[in-house]
Protein backbone atom coordinates (compact mmCIF):
# COMPACT_ATOMS: atom_id res chain seq x y z
CA ILE A 1 0.00 0.00 0.00
CA VAL A 2 2.89 2.34 0.85
CA VAL A 3 4.63 1.55 -2.46
CA ALA A 4 1.40 2.03 -4.42
CA SER A 5 0.77 5.36 -2.69
CA ILE A 6 4.22 6.55 -3.74
CA ALA A 7 3.92 5.16 -7.27
CA SER A 8 0.45 6.57 -7.94
CA ASP A 9 -1.04 9.77 -6.57
CA ARG A 10 -4.52 8.44 -7.37
CA PHE A 11 -4.28 5.33 -5.19
CA LEU A 12 -5.46 6.88 -1.91
CA THR A 13 -8.15 9.06 -3.47
CA ALA A 14 -11.77 8.67 -2.36
CA ALA A 15 -12.77 7.55 -5.85
CA ASN A 16 -10.22 4.72 -5.89
CA LEU A 17 -11.01 3.59 -2.34
CA ARG A 18 -14.71 3.55 -3.24
CA ASN A 19 -13.86 1.45 -6.28
CA VAL A 20 -11.80 -0.99 -4.19
CA LEU A 21 -14.55 -1.49 -1.59
CA THR A 22 -17.19 -1.97 -4.28
CA GLN A 23 -15.02 -4.56 -6.02
CA ALA A 24 -14.34 -6.27 -2.68
CA ALA A 25 -18.05 -6.66 -1.86
CA VAL A 26 -18.72 -9.86 -3.82
CA LEU A 27 -15.49 -11.54 -2.67
CA ALA A 28 -16.21 -10.50 0.91
CA ILE A 29 -19.68 -12.06 0.77
CA VAL A 30 -18.60 -15.34 -0.81
CA SER A 31 -15.71 -15.54 1.69
CA ILE A 32 -18.35 -15.86 4.43
CA ALA A 33 -19.70 -18.91 2.62
CA GLN A 34 -16.22 -20.39 2.36
CA CYS A 35 -15.55 -19.67 6.04
CA MET A 36 -18.61 -21.66 7.09
CA ALA A 37 -17.29 -24.73 5.28
CA LEU A 38 -13.75 -24.24 6.53
CA PHE A 39 -14.91 -23.88 10.15
CA ILE A 40 -16.17 -27.49 10.11
CA GLY A 41 -13.01 -28.73 8.41
CA GLY A 42 -14.54 -28.81 4.93
CA ILE A 43 -14.32 -26.67 1.81
CA ASP A 44 -16.85 -25.47 -0.76
CA MET A 45 -15.60 -25.15 -4.33
CA SER A 46 -19.14 -25.00 -5.72
CA VAL A 47 -19.57 -21.37 -4.62
CA SER A 48 -18.16 -20.23 -7.97
CA SER A 49 -20.87 -21.94 -10.02
CA VAL A 50 -23.62 -20.86 -7.62
CA ILE A 51 -22.49 -17.26 -8.14
CA SER A 52 -22.53 -17.67 -11.93
CA ILE A 53 -25.95 -19.30 -12.17
CA SER A 54 -27.40 -16.72 -9.75
CA THR A 55 -26.37 -13.93 -12.12
CA ILE A 56 -28.11 -15.82 -14.93
CA TRP A 57 -31.42 -16.21 -13.07
CA VAL A 58 -31.45 -12.52 -12.17
CA ALA A 59 -30.55 -11.49 -15.73
CA MET A 60 -33.18 -13.78 -17.27
CA PHE A 61 -36.18 -12.91 -15.13
CA SER A 62 -35.67 -9.74 -13.08
CA SER A 63 -36.39 -7.25 -15.87
CA THR A 64 -40.05 -8.35 -16.17
CA GLY A 65 -41.17 -6.19 -13.24
CA THR A 66 -41.32 -6.45 -9.47
CA ALA A 67 -42.74 -9.99 -9.52
CA GLY A 68 -40.00 -11.07 -11.91
CA LEU A 69 -37.30 -9.48 -9.77
CA LEU A 70 -38.59 -11.09 -6.59
CA GLY A 71 -39.00 -14.45 -8.33
CA SER A 72 -35.48 -14.35 -9.74
CA LEU A 73 -33.99 -13.58 -6.32
CA ILE A 74 -35.95 -16.42 -4.71
CA LEU A 75 -34.92 -18.80 -7.51
CA ALA A 76 -31.26 -17.89 -7.07
CA VAL A 77 -31.43 -18.50 -3.32
CA LEU A 78 -33.25 -21.83 -3.84
CA VAL A 79 -30.48 -22.99 -6.15
CA GLY A 80 -27.99 -22.14 -3.41
CA VAL A 81 -30.05 -24.17 -0.92
CA LEU A 82 -30.24 -27.15 -3.29
CA VAL A 83 -26.52 -27.15 -4.09
CA GLY A 84 -25.67 -26.81 -0.39
CA LEU A 85 -28.03 -29.67 0.47
CA VAL A 86 -26.42 -31.95 -2.13
CA ASN A 87 -22.96 -31.04 -0.84
CA GLY A 88 -23.96 -31.69 2.76
CA LEU A 89 -25.64 -35.01 2.00
CA GLY A 90 -22.66 -36.10 -0.07
CA VAL A 91 -20.34 -35.45 2.86
CA VAL A 92 -22.41 -36.99 5.68
CA LYS A 93 -24.43 -39.72 3.97
CA PHE A 94 -22.02 -40.99 1.35
CA LYS A 95 -18.76 -40.01 3.08
CA ILE A 96 -17.48 -38.22 -0.02
CA PRO A 97 -14.59 -35.84 0.76
CA ALA A 98 -15.79 -32.23 0.76
CA MET A 99 -13.32 -31.23 -1.97
CA ILE A 100 -14.57 -33.97 -4.32
CA ILE A 101 -18.31 -33.48 -3.86
CA THR A 102 -18.13 -29.70 -4.12
CA ILE A 103 -15.99 -29.86 -7.27
CA SER A 104 -18.58 -32.27 -8.69
CA THR A 105 -21.51 -29.95 -7.95
CA GLN A 106 -19.41 -27.05 -9.23
CA ALA A 107 -19.02 -28.79 -12.61
CA PHE A 108 -22.68 -29.87 -12.71
CA VAL A 109 -24.06 -26.39 -12.00
CA LYS A 110 -21.55 -24.80 -14.36
CA GLY A 111 -22.80 -27.07 -17.12
CA ILE A 112 -26.40 -26.02 -16.45
CA ALA A 113 -25.35 -22.37 -16.46
CA LEU A 114 -23.66 -22.78 -19.85
CA VAL A 115 -26.76 -24.48 -21.29
CA LEU A 116 -29.01 -21.69 -20.01
CA MET A 117 -26.72 -18.89 -21.21
CA PRO A 118 -23.68 -19.92 -23.31
CA SER A 119 -22.27 -16.41 -23.19
CA SER A 120 -22.83 -13.22 -21.25
CA GLY A 121 -26.32 -11.85 -21.80
CA GLY A 122 -29.70 -10.97 -20.37
CA LYS A 123 -30.58 -7.78 -18.55
CA VAL A 124 -30.78 -7.11 -14.83
CA ASN A 125 -33.66 -5.00 -13.50
CA GLN A 126 -32.34 -1.44 -13.83
CA GLY A 127 -33.90 -0.22 -10.59
CA PHE A 128 -32.34 -3.10 -8.66
CA ALA A 129 -28.94 -2.52 -10.29
CA ASP A 130 -29.09 1.19 -9.48
CA PHE A 131 -30.00 0.43 -5.86
CA ILE A 132 -27.08 -1.97 -5.35
CA ARG A 133 -24.73 0.59 -6.90
CA THR A 134 -25.97 3.42 -4.68
CA ARG A 135 -23.09 5.00 -2.76
CA PHE A 136 -22.75 6.79 0.54
CA GLY A 137 -19.31 8.37 0.55
CA ILE A 138 -16.82 5.60 -0.19
CA PHE A 139 -19.33 2.87 0.69
CA SER A 140 -21.77 1.28 -1.75
CA ILE A 141 -24.93 -0.68 -0.95
CA ALA A 142 -23.07 -3.77 -2.20
CA PHE A 143 -20.31 -3.35 0.39
CA LEU A 144 -22.78 -2.41 3.14
CA THR A 145 -24.67 -5.62 2.33
CA ALA A 146 -21.45 -7.53 2.93
CA ILE A 147 -20.95 -5.75 6.28
CA VAL A 148 -24.50 -6.60 7.40
CA LEU A 149 -23.95 -10.26 6.51
CA TYR A 150 -20.63 -10.32 8.36
CA VAL A 151 -22.19 -8.88 11.50
CA LEU A 152 -25.09 -11.34 11.32
CA ILE A 153 -22.90 -14.41 10.82
CA TRP A 154 -20.38 -13.23 13.43
CA VAL A 155 -23.17 -12.92 16.02
CA VAL A 156 -24.56 -16.34 15.06
CA LEU A 157 -21.16 -18.03 15.32
CA HIS A 158 -20.08 -16.43 18.58
CA TYR A 159 -23.32 -15.98 20.53
CA THR A 160 -25.56 -18.92 19.64
CA GLY A 161 -25.57 -22.64 20.32
CA PHE A 162 -25.40 -23.33 16.60
CA GLY A 163 -22.18 -21.31 16.29
CA ARG A 164 -20.55 -23.15 19.17
CA LYS A 165 -21.51 -26.46 17.57
CA VAL A 166 -19.95 -25.40 14.26
CA TYR A 167 -16.61 -24.70 15.96
CA ALA A 168 -16.92 -27.92 17.98
CA VAL A 169 -17.34 -29.99 14.80
CA GLY A 170 -14.32 -28.28 13.26
CA ASN A 171 -12.17 -28.96 16.30
CA GLY A 172 -12.96 -32.67 16.25
CA GLU A 173 -16.03 -34.38 14.82
CA LEU A 174 -15.64 -37.45 17.04
CA TYR A 175 -15.37 -35.37 20.21
CA ALA A 176 -18.35 -33.30 19.10
CA GLU A 177 -20.44 -36.44 18.63
CA GLN A 178 -19.40 -37.71 22.06
CA SER A 179 -20.59 -34.38 23.47
CA GLY A 180 -24.06 -35.04 22.09
CA ILE A 181 -23.83 -32.82 18.98
CA ASN A 182 -25.60 -34.02 15.85
CA THR A 183 -22.59 -33.47 13.59
CA LYS A 184 -24.37 -34.67 10.45
CA LYS A 185 -27.15 -32.13 10.89
CA ILE A 186 -24.67 -29.32 11.56
CA THR A 187 -22.64 -30.23 8.46
CA ILE A 188 -25.70 -30.20 6.20
CA GLN A 189 -26.88 -26.90 7.68
CA VAL A 190 -23.45 -25.33 7.18
CA TYR A 191 -23.32 -26.28 3.49
CA ILE A 192 -26.86 -24.99 2.93
CA ILE A 193 -25.87 -21.67 4.53
CA SER A 194 -22.77 -21.61 2.34
CA GLY A 195 -24.90 -22.13 -0.77
CA VAL A 196 -27.36 -19.39 0.20
CA ILE A 197 -24.61 -16.85 0.90
CA ALA A 198 -22.90 -17.71 -2.41
CA ALA A 199 -26.23 -17.08 -4.15
CA ILE A 200 -26.46 -13.68 -2.45
CA ALA A 201 -22.95 -12.90 -3.72
CA GLY A 202 -24.14 -13.79 -7.23
CA ILE A 203 -27.18 -11.55 -6.88
CA VAL A 204 -24.99 -8.61 -5.86
CA LEU A 205 -22.57 -9.35 -8.69
CA SER A 206 -25.39 -9.45 -11.25
CA ALA A 207 -26.33 -5.89 -10.29
CA ARG A 208 -22.72 -4.79 -10.73
CA ILE A 209 -22.29 -6.30 -14.22
CA SER A 210 -25.97 -5.76 -15.25
CA SER A 211 -26.08 -9.14 -16.99
CA GLY A 212 -25.76 -12.86 -16.51
CA ASN A 213 -22.51 -14.71 -17.14
CA PRO A 214 -21.93 -18.50 -16.86
CA LEU A 215 -18.22 -18.06 -16.12
CA VAL A 216 -18.15 -14.89 -14.03
CA GLY A 217 -17.84 -16.77 -10.74
CA ASP A 218 -14.91 -18.99 -11.75
CA ASN A 219 -12.22 -17.10 -9.82
CA TYR A 220 -14.21 -16.76 -6.61
CA ALA A 221 -13.74 -20.35 -5.39
CA MET A 222 -9.98 -20.09 -4.86
CA ASP A 223 -10.04 -16.37 -4.06
CA SER A 224 -12.55 -16.97 -1.26
CA VAL A 225 -10.28 -19.68 0.20
CA ALA A 226 -7.33 -17.30 -0.05
CA ALA A 227 -9.27 -14.46 1.62
CA ALA A 228 -10.30 -16.74 4.49
CA VAL A 229 -6.80 -18.16 5.02
CA ILE A 230 -5.15 -14.73 4.80
CA GLY A 231 -7.70 -13.64 7.41
CA GLY A 232 -6.56 -16.37 9.81
CA VAL A 233 -9.11 -19.13 9.18
CA SER A 234 -7.63 -22.61 9.48
CA MET A 235 -8.17 -25.09 6.65
CA ASN A 236 -8.11 -27.79 9.31
CA GLY A 237 -11.29 -26.43 10.88
CA GLY A 238 -12.36 -24.91 14.17
CA ILE A 239 -10.10 -21.83 14.15
CA GLY A 240 -10.67 -18.32 12.88
CA SER A 241 -13.34 -15.69 12.49
CA VAL A 242 -15.37 -14.28 9.63
CA ALA A 243 -14.04 -10.85 10.60
CA GLY A 244 -10.60 -11.99 9.46
CA ALA A 245 -12.03 -13.10 6.13
CA LEU A 246 -13.47 -9.62 5.57
CA PHE A 247 -10.02 -8.09 5.95
CA GLY A 248 -8.58 -10.87 3.78
CA ALA A 249 -11.06 -10.06 1.00
CA VAL A 250 -10.26 -6.34 1.17
CA ILE A 251 -6.50 -7.07 1.21
CA LEU A 252 -6.78 -9.31 -1.88
CA THR A 253 -8.81 -6.67 -3.70
CA LEU A 254 -6.29 -4.01 -2.72
CA ILE A 255 -3.48 -6.17 -4.08
CA ASN A 256 -5.34 -6.61 -7.38
CA ASN A 257 -5.98 -2.87 -7.52
CA ILE A 258 -2.34 -2.06 -6.81
CA MET A 259 -1.03 -4.51 -9.42
CA ASN A 260 -3.47 -3.20 -12.03
CA SER A 261 -2.51 0.41 -11.31
CA MET A 262 1.16 -0.55 -11.65
CA GLY A 263 0.50 -2.31 -14.96
CA ILE A 264 1.54 -5.76 -13.77
CA SER A 265 0.54 -8.56 -16.18
CA PRO A 266 -2.43 -10.74 -15.08
CA TYR A 267 -0.16 -13.77 -15.40
CA TYR A 268 2.21 -12.40 -12.79
CA GLN A 269 -0.77 -11.46 -10.64
CA TYR A 270 -1.66 -15.16 -10.36
CA ILE A 271 1.90 -15.91 -9.26
CA ILE A 272 1.85 -13.16 -6.64
CA LYS A 273 -1.54 -14.20 -5.24
CA GLY A 274 -0.48 -17.85 -5.14
CA ALA A 275 2.73 -16.94 -3.33
CA LEU A 276 0.74 -14.85 -0.85
CA LEU A 277 -1.58 -17.77 -0.12
CA MET A 278 1.34 -20.18 0.36
CA PHE A 279 3.05 -17.68 2.67
CA SER A 280 -0.14 -17.30 4.71
CA LEU A 281 -0.51 -21.07 5.06
CA VAL A 282 3.10 -21.52 6.14
CA LEU A 283 2.84 -18.64 8.61
CA PHE A 284 -0.36 -20.05 10.08
CA GLN A 285 1.15 -23.50 10.50
CA MET A 286 4.25 -22.03 12.18
CA LYS A 287 2.08 -20.06 14.60
CA ARG A 288 0.01 -23.14 15.34
CA ARG A 289 3.05 -25.29 16.11
CA LYS A 290 4.46 -22.58 18.33
CA ALA A 291 1.17 -22.36 20.21
CA VAL A 292 1.13 -26.14 20.74
């Protein structure tokens, strides 16, 4: 940030900060979904396809009036519920590793999205798009939506029985079961919540791009994992907070913004982000060993 501030006098302007926060909104929201899966020791790669197909539903039906808008939003959320349910059942009923089942549902939903809309198209309800883009200073409705979701999930995780059970499952499923926790039910619920939040991220993204796109969510699966890990969430489960993922999402977006402003090739950007993720993982593991 210091280097970018020196290299570009536009970096710390209100306009650029507003742009960064608006761009960070979708990643911040989907990072909540990823956190939920990571907290129980799982992972959810299907969030990318849920985002993409959500933009398609909104683009296909929302422009037909209020009823169409409401119907498209409900349909997008229901898809998130269905995908989350399939992921959860795959993990608890058929003992399929979370990575495998969520990659499978990711591919399945992506195929449906491509059949429905082979390329970017459709039109998002203009009033809805304008509302999501509304700004108050450097904050947009999109980013404020992310903040509201973070506060809600943070309260649920830290001040409810459900939240304590989620962390208990992540810290040891066997011990959680011996404590009387229905770990299968918690796992299914977590993946459903993850699917719903990913759908919300897709809805917000559709308003930003004003269209549907079957591939627009592709980068969000790994980026959401990176944001969570950079924010201190353990991939082994049971450790971390969604608050950290929010900062991780903003940091990743800042890094993208800085590299774009400095004219760094997208290919090198992948290398830099990958190196950052590896560094975060190594640092976390070193801290964990030291703590033990």
